[in-house]
Every structure is written in C-alpha cells, then in structure tokens.
Protein backbone atom coordinates (compact mmCIF):
# COMPACT_ATOMS: atom_id res chain seq x y z
CA MET A 1 -4.39 -86.25 -30.79
CA GLU A 2 -7.88 -85.33 -31.84
CA SER A 3 -11.00 -85.98 -29.78
CA SER A 4 -14.34 -86.55 -31.46
CA LEU A 5 -17.85 -85.81 -30.21
CA TRP A 6 -18.24 -89.51 -29.34
CA SER A 7 -14.89 -89.91 -27.53
CA LYS A 8 -16.31 -88.86 -24.17
CA ASN A 9 -18.27 -92.14 -24.13
CA ILE A 10 -15.18 -94.35 -24.53
CA THR A 11 -14.22 -96.30 -21.39
CA ASN A 12 -11.48 -98.80 -20.56
CA LYS A 13 -13.28 -101.10 -18.17
CA LEU A 14 -11.87 -104.17 -19.96
CA ASN A 15 -8.27 -102.99 -19.65
CA SER A 16 -7.30 -105.68 -17.12
CA ASN A 17 -8.37 -108.64 -19.28
CA LYS A 18 -5.52 -110.72 -20.73
CA PRO A 19 -5.98 -113.14 -23.64
CA GLY A 20 -5.47 -116.88 -23.40
CA THR A 21 -3.38 -118.89 -25.85
CA LYS A 22 -5.91 -121.01 -27.78
CA TYR A 23 -9.40 -120.31 -29.18
CA ASP A 24 -11.83 -121.44 -31.83
CA VAL A 25 -12.20 -117.83 -33.04
CA LEU A 26 -9.96 -114.81 -32.54
CA ILE A 27 -11.46 -111.44 -33.53
CA ILE A 28 -8.94 -108.62 -34.05
CA GLY A 29 -10.44 -105.15 -33.72
CA GLY A 30 -12.90 -103.65 -31.24
CA GLY A 31 -14.81 -101.26 -33.47
CA LEU A 32 -18.31 -101.66 -34.85
CA SER A 33 -17.34 -104.50 -37.19
CA GLY A 34 -15.44 -106.56 -34.61
CA ILE A 35 -17.96 -106.06 -31.80
CA SER A 36 -20.85 -106.85 -34.18
CA THR A 37 -19.11 -110.09 -35.17
CA ALA A 38 -18.70 -110.96 -31.50
CA TYR A 39 -22.34 -110.09 -30.80
CA TYR A 40 -23.64 -112.41 -33.52
CA LEU A 41 -21.39 -115.22 -32.24
CA LYS A 42 -22.18 -114.74 -28.55
CA ASP A 43 -24.70 -117.59 -28.31
CA SER A 44 -22.56 -120.15 -30.13
CA LYS A 45 -20.64 -122.76 -28.17
CA LEU A 46 -17.36 -121.59 -29.68
CA ASN A 47 -14.49 -120.44 -27.51
CA ILE A 48 -13.94 -116.85 -28.70
CA CYS A 49 -11.62 -113.97 -27.86
CA LEU A 50 -11.60 -110.39 -29.17
CA ILE A 51 -8.50 -108.20 -28.89
CA GLU A 52 -8.27 -104.45 -29.45
CA SER A 53 -4.99 -102.53 -29.72
CA ASN A 54 -6.41 -99.55 -27.81
CA LYS A 55 -9.82 -99.11 -26.21
CA ILE A 56 -13.06 -100.67 -27.40
CA ALA A 57 -14.73 -98.27 -29.89
CA GLY A 58 -11.72 -95.96 -29.61
CA GLY A 59 -10.54 -96.29 -33.20
CA THR A 60 -12.17 -95.46 -36.53
CA THR A 61 -15.70 -95.98 -35.21
CA SER A 62 -15.29 -93.10 -32.76
CA LEU A 63 -14.28 -90.78 -35.61
CA THR A 64 -17.27 -91.34 -37.89
CA THR A 65 -20.28 -89.06 -38.31
CA GLY A 66 -22.65 -91.80 -37.11
CA LYS A 67 -25.10 -91.88 -40.01
CA ILE A 68 -27.29 -94.90 -40.64
CA THR A 69 -28.37 -94.32 -44.21
CA TYR A 70 -28.72 -96.12 -47.52
CA LEU A 71 -28.45 -92.83 -49.43
CA GLN A 72 -24.70 -92.72 -49.92
CA ASP A 73 -23.49 -90.03 -52.29
CA THR A 74 -23.95 -91.34 -55.89
CA ILE A 75 -22.98 -94.91 -54.97
CA TYR A 76 -25.79 -96.63 -56.89
CA SER A 77 -25.23 -95.07 -60.28
CA ASP A 78 -21.48 -95.46 -59.70
CA LEU A 79 -21.87 -99.16 -58.91
CA GLU A 80 -24.13 -99.58 -61.91
CA SER A 81 -21.43 -98.14 -64.19
CA ILE A 82 -18.74 -100.43 -62.73
CA HIS A 83 -20.88 -103.55 -62.41
CA ASN A 84 -24.58 -103.63 -63.37
CA PHE A 85 -28.03 -102.75 -62.04
CA ASN A 86 -28.47 -106.05 -60.20
CA ILE A 87 -25.22 -105.61 -58.24
CA SER A 88 -26.17 -102.03 -57.40
CA LYS A 89 -29.64 -103.09 -56.24
CA LYS A 90 -28.15 -105.89 -54.17
CA TYR A 91 -25.90 -103.38 -52.43
CA LEU A 92 -28.95 -101.20 -51.71
CA GLU A 93 -30.74 -104.19 -50.18
CA SER A 94 -27.70 -104.91 -48.00
CA GLN A 95 -27.76 -101.35 -46.63
CA LEU A 96 -31.47 -101.52 -45.86
CA TYR A 97 -30.87 -104.87 -44.15
CA ALA A 98 -28.01 -103.45 -42.06
CA SER A 99 -30.10 -100.43 -41.06
CA LYS A 100 -32.82 -102.80 -39.87
CA LEU A 101 -30.31 -104.86 -37.86
CA ILE A 102 -29.23 -101.74 -35.97
CA LYS A 103 -32.79 -100.56 -35.40
CA ASP A 104 -33.92 -104.00 -34.22
CA ASN A 105 -31.07 -104.25 -31.72
CA ILE A 106 -31.78 -100.78 -30.35
CA LYS A 107 -35.44 -101.67 -29.91
CA LYS A 108 -34.81 -105.17 -28.52
CA TYR A 109 -32.37 -104.05 -25.84
CA ASN A 110 -33.68 -100.51 -25.35
CA ILE A 111 -30.24 -99.13 -26.19
CA ASP A 112 -29.74 -95.49 -25.25
CA CYS A 113 -27.51 -94.33 -28.12
CA ASP A 114 -29.18 -91.04 -29.14
CA TYR A 115 -30.88 -92.78 -32.08
CA ILE A 116 -33.03 -90.40 -34.12
CA GLU A 117 -34.88 -91.36 -37.29
CA ASN A 118 -34.76 -88.72 -40.00
CA ASP A 119 -34.63 -88.08 -43.74
CA SER A 120 -31.48 -88.23 -45.87
CA TYR A 121 -30.50 -85.95 -48.74
CA ILE A 122 -27.87 -85.79 -51.43
CA PHE A 123 -27.55 -82.28 -52.79
CA SER A 124 -25.58 -79.77 -54.82
CA ASP A 125 -25.49 -76.04 -55.45
CA LYS A 126 -24.02 -76.51 -58.94
CA ASP A 127 -26.16 -76.99 -62.04
CA GLU A 128 -23.67 -79.44 -63.56
CA ASP A 129 -24.39 -81.91 -60.75
CA LYS A 130 -28.11 -82.18 -61.48
CA THR A 131 -27.57 -85.00 -63.95
CA LYS A 132 -25.82 -87.08 -61.29
CA ILE A 133 -28.66 -86.58 -58.83
CA ASP A 134 -31.17 -87.46 -61.55
CA LYS A 135 -29.32 -90.74 -62.16
CA GLU A 136 -29.66 -91.68 -58.49
CA TYR A 137 -33.34 -90.78 -58.62
CA GLU A 138 -33.87 -92.99 -61.68
CA PHE A 139 -32.09 -95.85 -59.91
CA PHE A 140 -34.39 -95.57 -56.90
CA LYS A 141 -37.43 -95.57 -59.17
CA LYS A 142 -36.24 -98.78 -60.84
CA ALA A 143 -35.50 -100.28 -57.42
CA ASN A 144 -39.00 -99.36 -56.13
CA ILE A 145 -37.66 -97.08 -53.39
CA ASP A 146 -39.62 -93.95 -52.53
CA ALA A 147 -37.46 -90.92 -53.35
CA GLN A 148 -38.24 -87.28 -54.01
CA LEU A 149 -36.49 -84.50 -55.92
CA VAL A 150 -36.54 -81.17 -54.06
CA ASP A 151 -35.04 -77.71 -54.49
CA LYS A 152 -33.12 -77.31 -51.23
CA LEU A 153 -32.18 -78.66 -47.82
CA PRO A 154 -34.16 -77.95 -44.62
CA ASP A 155 -31.48 -75.48 -43.44
CA SER A 156 -29.49 -72.57 -44.78
CA PHE A 157 -26.58 -74.48 -46.31
CA PRO A 158 -26.44 -73.57 -50.03
CA SER A 159 -28.21 -76.03 -52.31
CA THR A 160 -30.20 -75.71 -55.51
CA TYR A 161 -31.10 -79.35 -56.17
CA ALA A 162 -31.48 -82.37 -53.90
CA LEU A 163 -32.75 -85.93 -53.62
CA LYS A 164 -34.58 -86.97 -50.47
CA VAL A 165 -35.32 -90.42 -49.02
CA LYS A 166 -37.02 -91.45 -45.79
CA ASN A 167 -36.41 -94.07 -43.10
CA THR A 168 -32.79 -93.28 -42.26
CA ALA A 169 -31.26 -92.33 -38.92
CA VAL A 170 -28.32 -91.03 -36.90
CA PHE A 171 -26.92 -92.27 -33.59
CA ASN A 172 -23.93 -92.30 -31.24
CA PRO A 173 -21.91 -95.35 -32.39
CA VAL A 174 -19.79 -95.55 -29.22
CA LYS A 175 -22.86 -95.75 -26.96
CA TYR A 176 -24.27 -98.46 -29.24
CA ILE A 177 -21.05 -100.50 -29.04
CA ASN A 178 -20.84 -100.08 -25.26
CA LYS A 179 -24.26 -101.68 -24.90
CA LEU A 180 -23.38 -104.56 -27.23
CA VAL A 181 -20.30 -105.25 -25.09
CA ASN A 182 -22.54 -105.44 -22.01
CA ILE A 183 -24.92 -107.80 -23.83
CA ILE A 184 -22.03 -110.04 -24.91
CA GLY A 185 -20.97 -110.21 -21.26
CA ASP A 186 -18.79 -113.17 -20.31
CA ASN A 187 -19.75 -115.21 -23.38
CA ILE A 188 -16.68 -113.86 -25.20
CA LYS A 189 -13.38 -112.74 -23.71
CA ILE A 190 -12.67 -109.12 -24.72
CA CYS A 191 -9.22 -107.67 -24.16
CA GLU A 192 -8.07 -104.08 -24.65
CA ASN A 193 -4.54 -102.78 -25.25
CA VAL A 194 -3.48 -105.99 -27.01
CA ARG A 195 -2.04 -105.38 -30.47
CA ALA A 196 -1.81 -108.11 -33.11
CA LEU A 197 1.60 -108.06 -34.81
CA ASN A 198 1.55 -110.84 -37.41
CA ILE A 199 -0.18 -114.04 -38.46
CA THR A 200 1.36 -117.37 -39.45
CA LYS A 201 -0.16 -120.74 -40.31
CA GLU A 202 0.57 -123.83 -38.22
CA ASN A 203 -1.29 -126.98 -39.31
CA ASP A 204 -5.02 -126.36 -38.72
CA TYR A 205 -4.44 -123.23 -36.64
CA TYR A 206 -3.40 -119.66 -37.25
CA VAL A 207 -0.83 -118.30 -34.83
CA VAL A 208 -1.25 -114.61 -34.06
CA LYS A 209 1.69 -112.92 -32.39
CA THR A 210 0.50 -110.12 -30.10
CA THR A 211 2.06 -107.69 -27.65
CA GLU A 212 0.90 -110.03 -24.84
CA ASN A 213 1.43 -113.57 -26.12
CA ASP A 214 0.98 -115.87 -29.11
CA ILE A 215 -2.66 -116.89 -29.71
CA ARG A 216 -3.70 -119.96 -31.68
CA ALA A 217 -7.12 -119.96 -33.33
CA LYS A 218 -8.97 -122.02 -35.94
CA TYR A 219 -10.61 -118.85 -37.28
CA VAL A 220 -9.05 -115.40 -37.30
CA VAL A 221 -11.30 -112.43 -38.09
CA VAL A 222 -9.49 -109.18 -38.92
CA CYS A 223 -11.70 -106.12 -38.33
CA THR A 224 -8.98 -103.49 -38.00
CA HIS A 225 -10.30 -100.97 -40.55
CA TYR A 226 -7.12 -101.50 -42.57
CA PRO A 227 -5.72 -105.06 -42.32
CA PHE A 228 -2.29 -105.02 -40.70
CA PHE A 229 -0.84 -107.55 -43.16
CA VAL A 230 -0.09 -107.12 -46.86
CA VAL A 231 -0.06 -110.80 -47.83
CA PRO A 232 -2.48 -112.54 -48.12
CA GLY A 233 -5.23 -110.31 -49.42
CA LEU A 234 -3.08 -107.65 -51.09
CA ILE A 235 -5.40 -104.97 -49.70
CA PRO A 236 -3.00 -102.06 -50.47
CA PHE A 237 -3.38 -102.93 -54.16
CA LYS A 238 -7.18 -103.10 -54.08
CA THR A 239 -7.88 -99.89 -52.19
CA HIS A 240 -6.88 -96.32 -51.47
CA VAL A 241 -7.12 -94.19 -48.33
CA GLU A 242 -9.21 -91.02 -48.18
CA LYS A 243 -8.99 -88.45 -45.41
CA SER A 244 -11.84 -86.19 -44.29
CA HIS A 245 -12.08 -83.50 -41.63
CA VAL A 246 -14.95 -83.18 -39.14
CA ILE A 247 -16.31 -80.39 -36.94
CA ALA A 248 -18.96 -80.48 -34.20
CA SER A 249 -20.56 -77.37 -32.74
CA LYS A 250 -23.22 -76.74 -30.11
CA ILE A 251 -26.45 -75.26 -31.41
CA LYS A 252 -29.81 -74.32 -29.93
CA GLU A 253 -31.89 -77.05 -31.57
CA ILE A 254 -31.42 -79.92 -33.97
CA LYS A 255 -33.05 -80.50 -37.34
CA LYS A 256 -34.24 -83.97 -38.30
CA PHE A 257 -32.27 -84.65 -41.45
CA ASN A 258 -28.82 -85.65 -42.60
CA ALA A 259 -27.22 -84.80 -45.94
CA ILE A 260 -24.16 -85.16 -48.11
CA SER A 261 -23.23 -83.13 -51.15
CA ILE A 262 -21.99 -84.56 -54.42
CA GLY A 263 -19.36 -83.24 -56.77
CA LYS A 264 -15.78 -82.11 -56.27
CA ASN A 265 -15.93 -80.79 -52.70
CA ILE A 266 -18.12 -83.08 -50.61
CA TYR A 267 -19.74 -81.81 -47.42
CA SER A 268 -21.69 -83.84 -44.89
CA ILE A 269 -24.28 -82.50 -42.42
CA ARG A 270 -26.03 -84.18 -39.52
CA TYR A 271 -27.48 -83.13 -36.19
CA HIS A 272 -26.99 -84.82 -32.83
CA LYS A 273 -28.86 -84.61 -29.55
CA ASP A 274 -27.71 -85.84 -26.15
CA LYS A 275 -27.57 -83.46 -23.16
CA ASP A 276 -26.77 -80.73 -25.67
CA SER A 277 -27.60 -80.21 -29.32
CA TYR A 278 -24.89 -80.29 -31.99
CA ILE A 279 -24.37 -79.94 -35.68
CA VAL A 280 -21.72 -82.29 -37.12
CA PHE A 281 -20.13 -80.99 -40.31
CA ALA A 282 -17.59 -82.94 -42.36
CA GLY A 283 -15.82 -82.47 -45.67
CA GLU A 284 -12.68 -81.54 -47.58
CA SER A 285 -12.25 -85.22 -48.47
CA TYR A 286 -9.27 -86.22 -50.55
CA LYS A 287 -7.08 -89.17 -51.40
CA MET A 288 -4.16 -89.04 -49.00
CA SER A 289 -1.80 -89.72 -51.89
CA ASN A 290 -2.98 -86.53 -53.63
CA HIS A 291 -2.75 -83.95 -50.84
CA ILE A 292 -0.45 -83.84 -47.84
CA ASN A 293 -1.04 -80.37 -46.36
CA TYR A 294 -3.67 -81.60 -43.92
CA ASP A 295 -3.74 -78.40 -41.88
CA GLU A 296 -4.73 -76.42 -44.96
CA ARG A 297 -7.73 -78.64 -45.64
CA GLN A 298 -8.87 -78.46 -42.01
CA LYS A 299 -8.78 -74.65 -42.17
CA GLU A 300 -10.79 -74.70 -45.41
CA LEU A 301 -13.49 -76.77 -43.71
CA GLU A 302 -13.59 -74.46 -40.70
CA LYS A 303 -13.98 -71.44 -42.97
CA LYS A 304 -16.82 -73.12 -44.87
CA PHE A 305 -18.52 -73.98 -41.59
CA LYS A 306 -18.25 -70.51 -40.08
CA ASP A 307 -19.36 -68.82 -43.31
CA ASN A 308 -22.57 -70.87 -43.36
CA PHE A 309 -23.42 -71.63 -39.73
CA ARG A 310 -21.66 -68.80 -37.87
CA SER A 311 -21.10 -70.92 -34.78
CA ASP A 312 -18.14 -71.70 -32.53
CA ILE A 313 -16.31 -75.00 -32.96
CA ASP A 314 -16.40 -77.36 -29.98
CA TYR A 315 -14.81 -80.46 -31.51
CA ARG A 316 -12.55 -81.04 -34.50
CA TRP A 317 -11.10 -84.30 -35.75
CA SER A 318 -10.26 -86.21 -38.92
CA ILE A 319 -10.98 -89.68 -40.24
CA HIS A 320 -9.34 -92.08 -42.67
CA ASP A 321 -11.63 -94.11 -44.93
CA LEU A 322 -10.52 -97.09 -46.98
CA THR A 323 -12.16 -97.24 -50.43
CA SER A 324 -12.04 -100.27 -52.71
CA ASN A 325 -11.32 -99.81 -56.40
CA ASP A 326 -14.70 -101.29 -57.36
CA LEU A 327 -16.67 -99.43 -54.62
CA LEU A 328 -17.85 -102.60 -52.87
CA PRO A 329 -16.68 -103.39 -49.32
CA ILE A 330 -14.29 -106.32 -48.90
CA ILE A 331 -15.85 -108.82 -46.47
CA GLY A 332 -15.28 -112.54 -46.13
CA LYS A 333 -12.63 -115.23 -46.69
CA VAL A 334 -9.30 -113.74 -47.77
CA ASN A 335 -8.69 -116.50 -50.34
CA ASP A 336 -9.04 -120.24 -50.95
CA VAL A 337 -5.66 -120.97 -49.40
CA ASN A 338 -6.76 -119.28 -46.16
CA PRO A 339 -10.50 -120.07 -45.87
CA ASN A 340 -10.51 -119.51 -42.11
CA LEU A 341 -8.83 -116.10 -42.31
CA LEU A 342 -11.63 -113.54 -42.62
CA ILE A 343 -11.49 -109.78 -43.14
CA ALA A 344 -13.82 -106.80 -43.17
CA THR A 345 -12.50 -103.60 -44.70
CA ALA A 346 -12.96 -100.88 -47.34
CA PHE A 347 -16.39 -99.64 -46.25
CA ASN A 348 -16.09 -96.67 -48.62
CA LYS A 349 -17.04 -94.05 -45.98
CA TRP A 350 -20.20 -95.88 -44.93
CA GLY A 351 -18.91 -97.76 -41.91
CA MET A 352 -22.06 -97.78 -39.78
CA THR A 353 -24.18 -99.93 -42.08
CA ASN A 354 -21.26 -101.90 -43.49
CA GLY A 355 -19.68 -102.42 -40.08
CA VAL A 356 -22.82 -104.07 -38.71
CA LEU A 357 -23.40 -105.92 -41.97
CA SER A 358 -19.87 -107.33 -41.93
CA GLY A 359 -20.40 -108.63 -38.40
CA LYS A 360 -23.44 -110.58 -39.57
CA ILE A 361 -21.72 -111.89 -42.72
CA LEU A 362 -18.54 -113.00 -40.93
CA SER A 363 -20.43 -114.70 -38.11
CA ASP A 364 -22.62 -116.53 -40.63
CA ILE A 365 -19.54 -117.75 -42.51
CA ILE A 366 -18.08 -119.14 -39.26
CA LEU A 367 -21.37 -120.74 -38.21
CA GLY A 368 -22.08 -122.14 -41.68
CA ASN A 369 -25.29 -120.14 -42.05
CA ASN A 370 -26.69 -118.93 -45.36
CA ASN A 371 -26.25 -115.23 -46.00
CA GLU A 372 -27.30 -113.73 -49.30
CA TYR A 373 -24.60 -111.05 -49.21
CA ILE A 374 -21.53 -113.31 -48.86
CA ASP A 375 -20.92 -113.47 -52.61
CA LEU A 376 -21.52 -109.73 -53.15
CA PHE A 377 -18.67 -108.70 -50.85
CA ASN A 378 -16.42 -111.72 -51.43
CA PRO A 379 -12.75 -110.57 -51.43
CA LYS A 380 -12.16 -113.01 -54.33
CA ARG A 381 -14.89 -111.50 -56.53
CA ASP A 382 -14.44 -111.06 -60.28
CA ILE A 383 -12.35 -108.19 -61.60
CA THR A 384 -14.09 -105.66 -63.85
CA ILE A 385 -12.50 -103.41 -66.48
CA LYS A 386 -13.20 -100.27 -64.44
CA ARG A 387 -11.76 -101.92 -61.36
CA CYS A 388 -8.55 -102.51 -63.32
CA ILE A 389 -8.49 -98.88 -64.43
CA ASN A 390 -8.97 -97.68 -60.84
CA PHE A 391 -6.23 -100.08 -59.75
CA PHE A 392 -3.74 -98.41 -62.09
CA ILE A 393 -4.89 -94.91 -61.08
CA ASP A 394 -4.48 -95.71 -57.38
CA GLY A 395 -1.14 -97.39 -58.04
CA PHE A 396 0.12 -94.35 -59.93
CA ASN A 397 -0.96 -91.99 -57.13
CA ILE A 398 0.73 -94.13 -54.46
CA SER A 399 3.92 -94.37 -56.53
CA LYS A 400 3.88 -90.61 -57.05
CA ILE A 401 3.55 -89.80 -53.36
CA TYR A 402 6.04 -92.55 -52.43
CA LEU A 403 8.71 -91.00 -54.66
CA GLY A 404 7.64 -87.41 -54.00
CA THR A 405 8.07 -87.61 -50.24
CA LYS A 406 11.49 -89.20 -50.65
CA LEU A 407 12.79 -86.70 -53.21
CA ASN A 408 11.32 -83.57 -51.60
CA LYS A 409 10.96 -83.95 -47.85
CA ASN A 410 11.03 -80.29 -46.77
CA LYS A 411 7.64 -79.16 -48.03
CA SER A 412 6.90 -75.46 -48.38
CA PHE A 413 4.18 -75.53 -45.71
CA TYR A 414 6.52 -76.77 -42.98
CA ASN A 415 7.70 -74.15 -40.50
CA ASP A 416 11.01 -74.14 -38.63
CA LYS A 417 9.69 -76.67 -36.10
CA VAL A 418 9.88 -79.49 -38.65
CA LYS A 419 13.08 -80.53 -40.36
CA PHE A 420 14.48 -83.49 -42.25
CA GLU A 421 18.12 -84.44 -42.04
CA ASN A 422 20.31 -87.18 -43.44
CA ILE A 423 22.32 -88.87 -40.72
CA ASP A 424 24.81 -91.54 -41.77
CA GLY A 425 23.09 -91.71 -45.14
CA LYS A 426 19.57 -92.23 -43.74
CA SER A 427 16.64 -89.82 -43.57
CA TYR A 428 15.32 -88.63 -40.20
CA GLY A 429 12.38 -86.39 -39.35
CA ILE A 430 12.78 -83.86 -36.55
CA TYR A 431 10.02 -82.06 -34.66
CA ILE A 432 11.02 -79.26 -32.27
CA ASP A 433 8.39 -78.78 -29.54
CA ASN A 434 7.50 -75.59 -27.66
CA ASN A 435 10.21 -76.34 -25.09
CA LEU A 436 12.75 -76.50 -27.93
CA GLU A 437 13.20 -80.24 -27.35
CA LYS A 438 13.99 -82.23 -30.49
CA HIS A 439 11.97 -85.37 -31.25
CA ILE A 440 13.85 -87.40 -33.85
CA ILE A 441 12.35 -90.33 -35.76
CA ARG A 442 13.42 -92.45 -38.71
CA ASN A 443 11.57 -91.14 -41.76
CA LEU A 444 10.20 -94.51 -42.80
CA CYS A 445 6.81 -96.13 -42.19
CA PRO A 446 7.26 -99.75 -41.01
CA HIS A 447 4.26 -100.89 -43.06
CA MET A 448 5.53 -100.54 -46.65
CA LYS A 449 8.49 -98.17 -46.21
CA CYS A 450 6.82 -94.94 -47.38
CA SER A 451 8.25 -91.64 -46.16
CA LEU A 452 6.21 -89.65 -43.64
CA VAL A 453 4.70 -86.18 -43.50
CA PHE A 454 4.13 -84.07 -40.40
CA ASN A 455 0.56 -83.29 -39.36
CA TYR A 456 0.54 -79.92 -37.57
CA MET A 457 -3.06 -80.11 -36.39
CA ASP A 458 -2.59 -83.35 -34.44
CA LYS A 459 1.19 -83.24 -33.91
CA THR A 460 1.65 -86.62 -35.56
CA TRP A 461 3.77 -88.21 -38.26
CA ASP A 462 1.42 -89.61 -40.93
CA CYS A 463 1.99 -92.02 -43.81
CA PRO A 464 0.44 -90.54 -46.98
CA CYS A 465 0.45 -93.94 -48.73
CA HIS A 466 -1.73 -96.06 -46.44
CA GLY A 467 -2.66 -93.88 -43.47
CA SER A 468 -0.54 -95.16 -40.57
CA ARG A 469 -0.06 -92.55 -37.84
CA PHE A 470 2.65 -92.08 -35.21
CA ASP A 471 3.20 -89.64 -32.35
CA ILE A 472 6.13 -87.22 -32.28
CA ASP A 473 8.37 -89.91 -30.79
CA GLY A 474 7.44 -92.52 -33.39
CA ASN A 475 4.98 -94.61 -31.33
CA VAL A 476 2.30 -96.11 -33.54
CA ILE A 477 -1.18 -94.63 -33.01
CA LYS A 478 -3.12 -96.13 -35.92
CA GLY A 479 -2.41 -98.85 -38.45
CA PRO A 480 -1.99 -100.54 -40.79
CA SER A 481 1.48 -100.38 -39.25
CA VAL A 482 1.67 -102.39 -36.04
CA TYR A 483 5.20 -101.32 -35.19
CA ASP A 484 6.66 -98.11 -33.81
CA ILE A 485 9.05 -96.14 -35.99
CA LYS A 486 12.68 -96.91 -35.38
CA THR A 487 14.74 -93.99 -34.13
CA LYS A 488 17.94 -95.87 -34.87
CA ASP A 489 18.78 -98.71 -37.26
C-alpha cells in the first residue's frame, strides 16, 4: 500500500488499549474529525471511548495535502448557484472559524506540526476559466474579504490568471493529531485496531458490534470518512466518491503559498518544511464511477509534475474524497428517529477545516451548546432542485459502473497477472504475484455488492462505486466495507 509524506509520523502507542462495554459516548474513527470531537469533549464528565480500525491518524487524514484554507476551488460561486449568497457566506464563515480553531490550538499548546502561514491561490492557464475566477472574486468583495486578482503564481507552474487571498496556512495533520491525543490523555479511552461492524438500537442505547466486543453507548459518533452503514442516513445516495493522486518531492527551498487550479484537470500545489523541504503536488481528480484505470491517471500526474518541476519523486499516494450532491458537508444528527447517532462526512476535499469544524459541532450537539453552524450542515437539510439533479447524475454514474464491471470484467488495461473467472456460476478475481502464486477472491464488495477492479499501483482490489479497498487476499483495508471479501460462499 501507499505511504504518504505524513505516514512517517504515525505511531501505534495505543495499540494495547481494549474498549469497555458501556459508555456515554462512543466515537468511531481516529482521524482529524474523531480526535477533534474527543478533544472538545475531554473536559466533560462523560464516560467516552474512541475506537479506530487501524492506527490513529492512519486513515484518510494521513493522505491529505494538509492545507488550512478558506479558498477552496470555486466553492462559493458553486454554493451560491445551488443555494444562495447567505448560505455561501455562512460556509465561508465556518471555514474561517475552523482555521482559527486550528491556529488557536497550535498557539495554546505550542504544537510542533510544521505550521506555516501563507497565501492561497486559485488559478488557471485557460482563458475560458477567467469568468469563474471573476465570480469568486465578486463573491469575496460582497463578503468583505480581502482578495486580489493577479496574473500568475509565485512559481513556474503555468498560469495566466489567479485569485489570491491571505491568512491561510499549511501543516502536518498527523503531528497535529498526535499532540491532541497527548492533550486528551486519560480523559478519554482511545483504542486502536478495533473495527466497528454494525449498529443496532436497544432501548436508550446503541449497541455497536466491534471486532473486540459489543459496546453500548447513549451517543454514537461516526467519523469514519465514509459511514460504514447504509441505513440510516442513506449516504451512498447523497454523495459520490472522487479519487485524486498525490506526489511529494524534495526540493531546495519552499515557497510560502498554496494553490489549486480550476477547470477540467485540477492541480494542487503546496510546500512543506520539516527536516527537509518538499513540494506536494496533487491532481488528476475524477469520480471513481467514471474512470477505473487508476494507474493511467497516476502516470499522467507524474508526467505533469516532471514536465513542470523536473524533480525526482520521493512519495506517491492517492486519496478518496466524499462529495455531497449539494456541496455542503454532512455533519450532525442522522435523523429524528436516531437523534443520538451523529455523523461527519462528505468534506468535499477540504477535510482539514471541515474535520476540525465537525469535531466542534458534534461535541456541541452532545453537550447541548449553541453552535451557529449546526443547521448549515444538518444531514436533514432541505433538498434543492440542483441537489436533486446531482442525485440523479451520481445515481446514473454508479449504476453504469455497477453494471459495467459485471458485464465486462477483463478490462483492456489488465495484463496477464489479473484474470476473472466464473467458478460454479460465481465471479472470482485472480491476481498472480511475482512468485506465480494465485490470490483468488470473490469479485463482490461486501458493502453494496459492486464488482471490483484491480489497482496495479497499490496492488489492491478497489470498489469503483463507493471506494472500499482490499488487499490481494481480500482483507479489507479501507471502508465503507467493514468486512473482508469472501473467497468462498
């Protein structure tokens, strides 16, 4: 599997902790969202446990680019077209608030997480994208945010038009989480390598079945990037999964800015400084339901990187992002029937600000505190016309890939190391390793029964519908699936 620039900071010092059987609050997920929720609950008198299926900060958070910015592609004009100006402005305020929460914590606890304040840019090298950038600029003017139109970026990457804002930052998210875990200390029990399998309701408690034991809790908070259940919440019908590829390379010195392009092919740039200096370059984003030759897209990104920066590649990895069909994160009570079941998901590629923000919102809901952003991100929020349109588009794409991978399993880009065979009327995927050993798995994702595709770069079986990932022997690596693939029925 892939290793990101931040992975070297992941530890497993909590590996020996085992969960109890009854709590006031159970938090599922040890990324930025789950740990932030725990942090904001640490001084309450509630009995709280957090479980993580792998290592703390070892999931989606460790695969991000680590930007802390409110300049997020063309999100504000996009939100304005789906909702209205007030909703868009409220989202902007939430991102500024989240950025301040991170900065305040870093300052309060003197957290060493390679935090660097810098400027943010959106940019393009195509004339047809100028109008989109102008729309974002006009939004910022109406919202009384200082923004500036400029001709190019502060480096050599091609750009002819850009929008610049100040007071943003970059950091190492794993180092930040590690410090929060230390601050939480013994106030909350944190357990690694404990996977939640399902949730049922029993009187006033939820019962969460895990790989260790059953846990009863009055509140259950699901911060697993993609919720591992389908009902309640119906998250697969409100979202789609996007995949992006990331590269990190050592350089001589960093530049104090971060940027993201707009348009068809999106590219992200940021610089990082710890013992060494790095450039972090991401892009080739696509809906997983629209493109399944992942190796091809990774090679395209590497070519783009080498053509522009002419540097060796030290790290390469990929990330899955969950995007809602109305572009607002989904944070809060799942529904009225389950008011004590809370979720945080669909951060739309901006997981640093929205991860911290969700921790504050969810903790305030549990504590009964006022929070002005609860209604904005409410999972039960009103449905708009454009949200309905996006729902049907996403549904069509998922249906297309669901049927396509079942009808045509042997894709043209597979080599002779990957085969699909019908055995006793059922489809199996076969990977032949370098020692000519066959690894045979049932070609069916346990989550919602989609067929799988083989990922050459990481040597994994991936679900193109909702992003679950499995190793060559069918062991689950990433959800939403919580179960390994069956090799035999």
